[in-house]
Amino acid sequence: MSLVLSFLAGVFGANATPHFIKGITKECFPCVFGSGPLVNLVAGWAMYVIAALTAVAADMTAHPVPAFSAAAAGVLAMGVFHATIGAFGRGRAASSSGS
């Protein structure tokens, strides 16, 4: 159970980052609750809180190497998601500017 919770902590922490950044830079970004900056700021903050609580519940200090590996895999999985499909499948349309 510790590995699953560690993985989820990584997923939530990584997913919080783009939402939080778009919120503090006053940019719109797709979110299940809306796409406005304030919605994204709050959603990102909430995901950071959930990630922290999940990491605590995982008791990552009991098995630090496997727990860190699971969390890193969660971060990588969410990073790959955002870099390819993107939120709501809009990854390719936003990248047409030449990157």
N, C-alpha and C. Protein backbone atom coordinates (compact mmCIF):
# COMPACT_ATOMS: atom_id res chain seq x y z
N MET A 1 0.82 -1.20 0.00
CA MET A 1 0.00 0.00 0.00
C MET A 1 0.86 1.26 0.00
N SER A 2 2.03 1.17 0.62
CA SER A 2 2.94 2.31 0.67
C SER A 2 3.39 2.73 -0.73
N LEU A 3 3.63 1.75 -1.60
CA LEU A 3 4.08 2.06 -2.95
C LEU A 3 2.97 2.73 -3.76
N VAL A 4 1.75 2.27 -3.60
CA VAL A 4 0.62 2.87 -4.32
C VAL A 4 0.42 4.32 -3.85
N LEU A 5 0.45 4.53 -2.56
CA LEU A 5 0.28 5.88 -2.03
C LEU A 5 1.44 6.79 -2.45
N SER A 6 2.64 6.26 -2.48
CA SER A 6 3.80 7.04 -2.93
C SER A 6 3.66 7.43 -4.39
N PHE A 7 3.23 6.47 -5.21
CA PHE A 7 2.99 6.74 -6.63
C PHE A 7 1.95 7.85 -6.79
N LEU A 8 0.85 7.75 -6.04
CA LEU A 8 -0.20 8.77 -6.12
C LEU A 8 0.28 10.13 -5.63
N ALA A 9 1.14 10.14 -4.63
CA ALA A 9 1.71 11.40 -4.16
C ALA A 9 2.51 12.06 -5.29
N GLY A 10 3.27 11.26 -6.02
CA GLY A 10 4.02 11.79 -7.16
C GLY A 10 3.11 12.31 -8.26
N VAL A 11 2.05 11.57 -8.55
CA VAL A 11 1.09 11.99 -9.58
C VAL A 11 0.43 13.31 -9.19
N PHE A 12 -0.07 13.39 -7.97
CA PHE A 12 -0.74 14.62 -7.53
C PHE A 12 0.22 15.80 -7.48
N GLY A 13 1.43 15.58 -6.99
CA GLY A 13 2.41 16.66 -6.93
C GLY A 13 2.79 17.17 -8.31
N ALA A 14 3.00 16.25 -9.24
CA ALA A 14 3.36 16.66 -10.60
C ALA A 14 2.20 17.34 -11.31
N ASN A 15 0.99 16.86 -11.10
CA ASN A 15 -0.17 17.46 -11.75
C ASN A 15 -0.50 18.82 -11.14
N ALA A 16 -0.15 19.03 -9.90
CA ALA A 16 -0.40 20.32 -9.26
C ALA A 16 0.42 21.44 -9.89
N THR A 17 1.61 21.11 -10.34
CA THR A 17 2.54 22.13 -10.81
C THR A 17 2.01 22.97 -11.96
N PRO A 18 1.57 22.39 -13.09
CA PRO A 18 1.10 23.27 -14.16
C PRO A 18 -0.14 24.09 -13.78
N HIS A 19 -1.02 23.52 -12.98
CA HIS A 19 -2.21 24.25 -12.56
C HIS A 19 -1.84 25.42 -11.66
N PHE A 20 -0.96 25.18 -10.72
CA PHE A 20 -0.54 26.24 -9.80
C PHE A 20 0.20 27.35 -10.55
N ILE A 21 1.11 26.96 -11.44
CA ILE A 21 1.87 27.96 -12.19
C ILE A 21 0.96 28.79 -13.09
N LYS A 22 0.06 28.14 -13.80
CA LYS A 22 -0.87 28.90 -14.65
C LYS A 22 -1.73 29.83 -13.80
N GLY A 23 -2.09 29.39 -12.61
CA GLY A 23 -2.89 30.24 -11.73
C GLY A 23 -2.13 31.47 -11.29
N ILE A 24 -0.87 31.32 -10.85
CA ILE A 24 -0.14 32.49 -10.35
C ILE A 24 0.35 33.40 -11.46
N THR A 25 0.37 32.90 -12.70
CA THR A 25 0.75 33.75 -13.83
C THR A 25 -0.48 34.31 -14.56
N LYS A 26 -1.65 34.08 -13.99
CA LYS A 26 -2.92 34.60 -14.51
C LYS A 26 -3.21 34.15 -15.94
N GLU A 27 -2.90 32.88 -16.21
CA GLU A 27 -3.18 32.31 -17.52
C GLU A 27 -4.26 31.24 -17.39
N CYS A 28 -5.02 31.05 -18.45
CA CYS A 28 -6.04 30.00 -18.46
C CYS A 28 -5.39 28.65 -18.76
N PHE A 29 -5.94 27.59 -18.21
CA PHE A 29 -5.44 26.24 -18.40
C PHE A 29 -6.60 25.30 -18.12
N PRO A 30 -6.78 24.26 -18.93
CA PRO A 30 -7.92 23.36 -18.71
C PRO A 30 -7.89 22.68 -17.34
N CYS A 31 -9.01 22.70 -16.69
CA CYS A 31 -9.16 22.07 -15.38
C CYS A 31 -10.61 21.59 -15.30
N VAL A 32 -10.85 20.54 -14.56
CA VAL A 32 -12.22 20.01 -14.48
C VAL A 32 -13.20 21.01 -13.86
N PHE A 33 -12.72 21.98 -13.14
CA PHE A 33 -13.58 22.95 -12.49
C PHE A 33 -13.70 24.25 -13.26
N GLY A 34 -13.02 24.37 -14.38
CA GLY A 34 -13.00 25.58 -15.18
C GLY A 34 -11.58 25.84 -15.65
N SER A 35 -11.37 26.89 -16.42
CA SER A 35 -10.03 27.12 -16.93
C SER A 35 -9.42 28.44 -16.49
N GLY A 36 -10.09 29.15 -15.62
CA GLY A 36 -9.60 30.45 -15.17
C GLY A 36 -8.41 30.34 -14.23
N PRO A 37 -7.67 31.43 -14.09
CA PRO A 37 -6.48 31.44 -13.25
C PRO A 37 -6.77 31.11 -11.77
N LEU A 38 -7.81 31.69 -11.21
CA LEU A 38 -8.11 31.44 -9.80
C LEU A 38 -8.48 29.98 -9.56
N VAL A 39 -9.26 29.42 -10.47
CA VAL A 39 -9.64 28.00 -10.35
C VAL A 39 -8.39 27.13 -10.39
N ASN A 40 -7.48 27.44 -11.31
CA ASN A 40 -6.25 26.65 -11.42
C ASN A 40 -5.35 26.82 -10.21
N LEU A 41 -5.27 28.03 -9.69
CA LEU A 41 -4.46 28.25 -8.49
C LEU A 41 -4.96 27.40 -7.33
N VAL A 42 -6.27 27.44 -7.10
CA VAL A 42 -6.86 26.67 -6.00
C VAL A 42 -6.72 25.16 -6.26
N ALA A 43 -6.95 24.73 -7.50
CA ALA A 43 -6.81 23.31 -7.83
C ALA A 43 -5.37 22.85 -7.63
N GLY A 44 -4.41 23.64 -8.08
CA GLY A 44 -3.00 23.30 -7.89
C GLY A 44 -2.63 23.23 -6.42
N TRP A 45 -3.07 24.21 -5.65
CA TRP A 45 -2.80 24.21 -4.21
C TRP A 45 -3.40 22.97 -3.55
N ALA A 46 -4.65 22.66 -3.91
CA ALA A 46 -5.31 21.49 -3.32
C ALA A 46 -4.58 20.20 -3.67
N MET A 47 -4.09 20.10 -4.90
CA MET A 47 -3.34 18.89 -5.28
C MET A 47 -2.01 18.80 -4.55
N TYR A 48 -1.36 19.93 -4.29
CA TYR A 48 -0.13 19.90 -3.47
C TYR A 48 -0.45 19.40 -2.05
N VAL A 49 -1.56 19.87 -1.50
CA VAL A 49 -1.96 19.42 -0.16
C VAL A 49 -2.26 17.92 -0.17
N ILE A 50 -3.00 17.47 -1.18
CA ILE A 50 -3.31 16.04 -1.30
C ILE A 50 -2.04 15.22 -1.46
N ALA A 51 -1.10 15.71 -2.26
CA ALA A 51 0.18 15.01 -2.45
C ALA A 51 0.93 14.88 -1.13
N ALA A 52 0.95 15.96 -0.35
CA ALA A 52 1.65 15.91 0.93
C ALA A 52 0.97 14.95 1.90
N LEU A 53 -0.35 15.02 1.98
CA LEU A 53 -1.08 14.12 2.88
C LEU A 53 -0.93 12.66 2.44
N THR A 54 -0.92 12.43 1.14
CA THR A 54 -0.74 11.07 0.63
C THR A 54 0.66 10.56 0.94
N ALA A 55 1.65 11.42 0.82
CA ALA A 55 3.03 11.03 1.14
C ALA A 55 3.17 10.69 2.62
N VAL A 56 2.51 11.45 3.47
CA VAL A 56 2.55 11.16 4.90
C VAL A 56 1.85 9.83 5.18
N ALA A 57 0.70 9.62 4.56
CA ALA A 57 -0.03 8.37 4.75
C ALA A 57 0.74 7.17 4.23
N ALA A 58 1.59 7.39 3.23
CA ALA A 58 2.38 6.29 2.65
C ALA A 58 3.49 5.84 3.59
N ASP A 59 3.80 6.64 4.59
CA ASP A 59 4.91 6.34 5.51
C ASP A 59 6.17 6.03 4.71
N MET A 60 6.56 6.99 3.89
CA MET A 60 7.69 6.81 2.97
C MET A 60 9.01 6.59 3.68
N THR A 61 9.12 6.99 4.94
CA THR A 61 10.38 6.80 5.65
C THR A 61 10.62 5.34 6.03
N ALA A 62 9.56 4.53 6.06
CA ALA A 62 9.72 3.12 6.41
C ALA A 62 10.49 2.36 5.33
N HIS A 63 10.27 2.70 4.09
CA HIS A 63 10.96 2.06 2.96
C HIS A 63 11.33 3.16 1.96
N PRO A 64 12.37 3.94 2.26
CA PRO A 64 12.62 5.15 1.47
C PRO A 64 12.94 4.92 -0.01
N VAL A 65 13.73 3.91 -0.33
CA VAL A 65 14.11 3.71 -1.73
C VAL A 65 12.93 3.26 -2.59
N PRO A 66 12.18 2.23 -2.18
CA PRO A 66 11.01 1.87 -3.00
C PRO A 66 9.96 2.98 -3.05
N ALA A 67 9.76 3.67 -1.95
CA ALA A 67 8.77 4.74 -1.92
C ALA A 67 9.19 5.89 -2.83
N PHE A 68 10.47 6.26 -2.78
CA PHE A 68 10.96 7.32 -3.66
C PHE A 68 10.84 6.90 -5.12
N SER A 69 11.16 5.66 -5.41
CA SER A 69 11.06 5.16 -6.78
C SER A 69 9.62 5.20 -7.28
N ALA A 70 8.68 4.82 -6.42
CA ALA A 70 7.27 4.86 -6.81
C ALA A 70 6.81 6.30 -7.02
N ALA A 71 7.22 7.21 -6.15
CA ALA A 71 6.85 8.62 -6.30
C ALA A 71 7.46 9.19 -7.58
N ALA A 72 8.72 8.85 -7.85
CA ALA A 72 9.37 9.32 -9.07
C ALA A 72 8.66 8.79 -10.31
N ALA A 73 8.20 7.55 -10.25
CA ALA A 73 7.45 6.97 -11.38
C ALA A 73 6.13 7.72 -11.57
N GLY A 74 5.49 8.12 -10.48
CA GLY A 74 4.25 8.90 -10.57
C GLY A 74 4.49 10.26 -11.20
N VAL A 75 5.58 10.91 -10.81
CA VAL A 75 5.94 12.21 -11.40
C VAL A 75 6.21 12.04 -12.89
N LEU A 76 6.96 11.01 -13.24
CA LEU A 76 7.26 10.76 -14.65
C LEU A 76 6.00 10.47 -15.45
N ALA A 77 5.12 9.66 -14.90
CA ALA A 77 3.87 9.33 -15.60
C ALA A 77 3.04 10.59 -15.87
N MET A 78 2.92 11.45 -14.89
CA MET A 78 2.15 12.67 -15.08
C MET A 78 2.87 13.62 -16.03
N GLY A 79 4.18 13.66 -15.97
CA GLY A 79 4.95 14.49 -16.91
C GLY A 79 4.78 14.04 -18.34
N VAL A 80 4.81 12.73 -18.57
CA VAL A 80 4.61 12.19 -19.91
C VAL A 80 3.19 12.51 -20.38
N PHE A 81 2.23 12.38 -19.50
CA PHE A 81 0.84 12.72 -19.84
C PHE A 81 0.73 14.17 -20.32
N HIS A 82 1.28 15.09 -19.54
CA HIS A 82 1.18 16.51 -19.90
C HIS A 82 1.99 16.84 -21.14
N ALA A 83 3.10 16.14 -21.35
CA ALA A 83 3.94 16.41 -22.52
C ALA A 83 3.38 15.82 -23.81
N THR A 84 2.50 14.84 -23.70
CA THR A 84 1.96 14.20 -24.91
C THR A 84 0.49 14.53 -25.08
N ILE A 85 -0.37 13.81 -24.42
CA ILE A 85 -1.82 13.98 -24.55
C ILE A 85 -2.25 15.34 -24.03
N GLY A 86 -1.77 15.69 -22.87
CA GLY A 86 -2.14 16.95 -22.25
C GLY A 86 -3.52 16.91 -21.63
N ALA A 87 -3.85 17.96 -20.94
CA ALA A 87 -5.13 18.05 -20.27
C ALA A 87 -6.26 18.05 -21.29
N PHE A 88 -7.17 17.14 -21.14
CA PHE A 88 -8.34 17.02 -22.00
C PHE A 88 -7.97 16.82 -23.47
N GLY A 89 -6.81 16.21 -23.73
CA GLY A 89 -6.41 15.90 -25.09
C GLY A 89 -6.04 17.10 -25.94
N ARG A 90 -5.67 18.19 -25.32
CA ARG A 90 -5.38 19.42 -26.06
C ARG A 90 -3.89 19.70 -26.22
N GLY A 91 -3.05 18.71 -25.99
CA GLY A 91 -1.61 18.92 -26.04
C GLY A 91 -1.09 19.36 -27.39
N ARG A 92 -1.55 18.75 -28.47
CA ARG A 92 -1.04 19.05 -29.81
C ARG A 92 -1.51 20.41 -30.32
N ALA A 93 -2.72 20.79 -30.03
CA ALA A 93 -3.25 22.05 -30.53
C ALA A 93 -2.49 23.24 -29.94
N ALA A 94 -2.11 23.13 -28.70
CA ALA A 94 -1.39 24.22 -28.04
C ALA A 94 0.05 24.32 -28.49
N SER A 95 0.61 23.24 -29.05
CA SER A 95 2.02 23.25 -29.41
C SER A 95 2.24 23.61 -30.87
N SER A 96 1.22 24.08 -31.57
CA SER A 96 1.36 24.40 -32.98
C SER A 96 2.17 25.66 -33.22
N SER A 97 2.63 26.32 -32.18
CA SER A 97 3.40 27.54 -32.35
C SER A 97 4.85 27.29 -32.71
N GLY A 98 5.25 26.01 -32.87
CA GLY A 98 6.57 25.72 -33.38
C GLY A 98 7.54 25.11 -32.40
N SER A 99 7.10 24.63 -31.26
CA SER A 99 8.05 24.04 -30.31
C SER A 99 8.18 22.57 -30.46
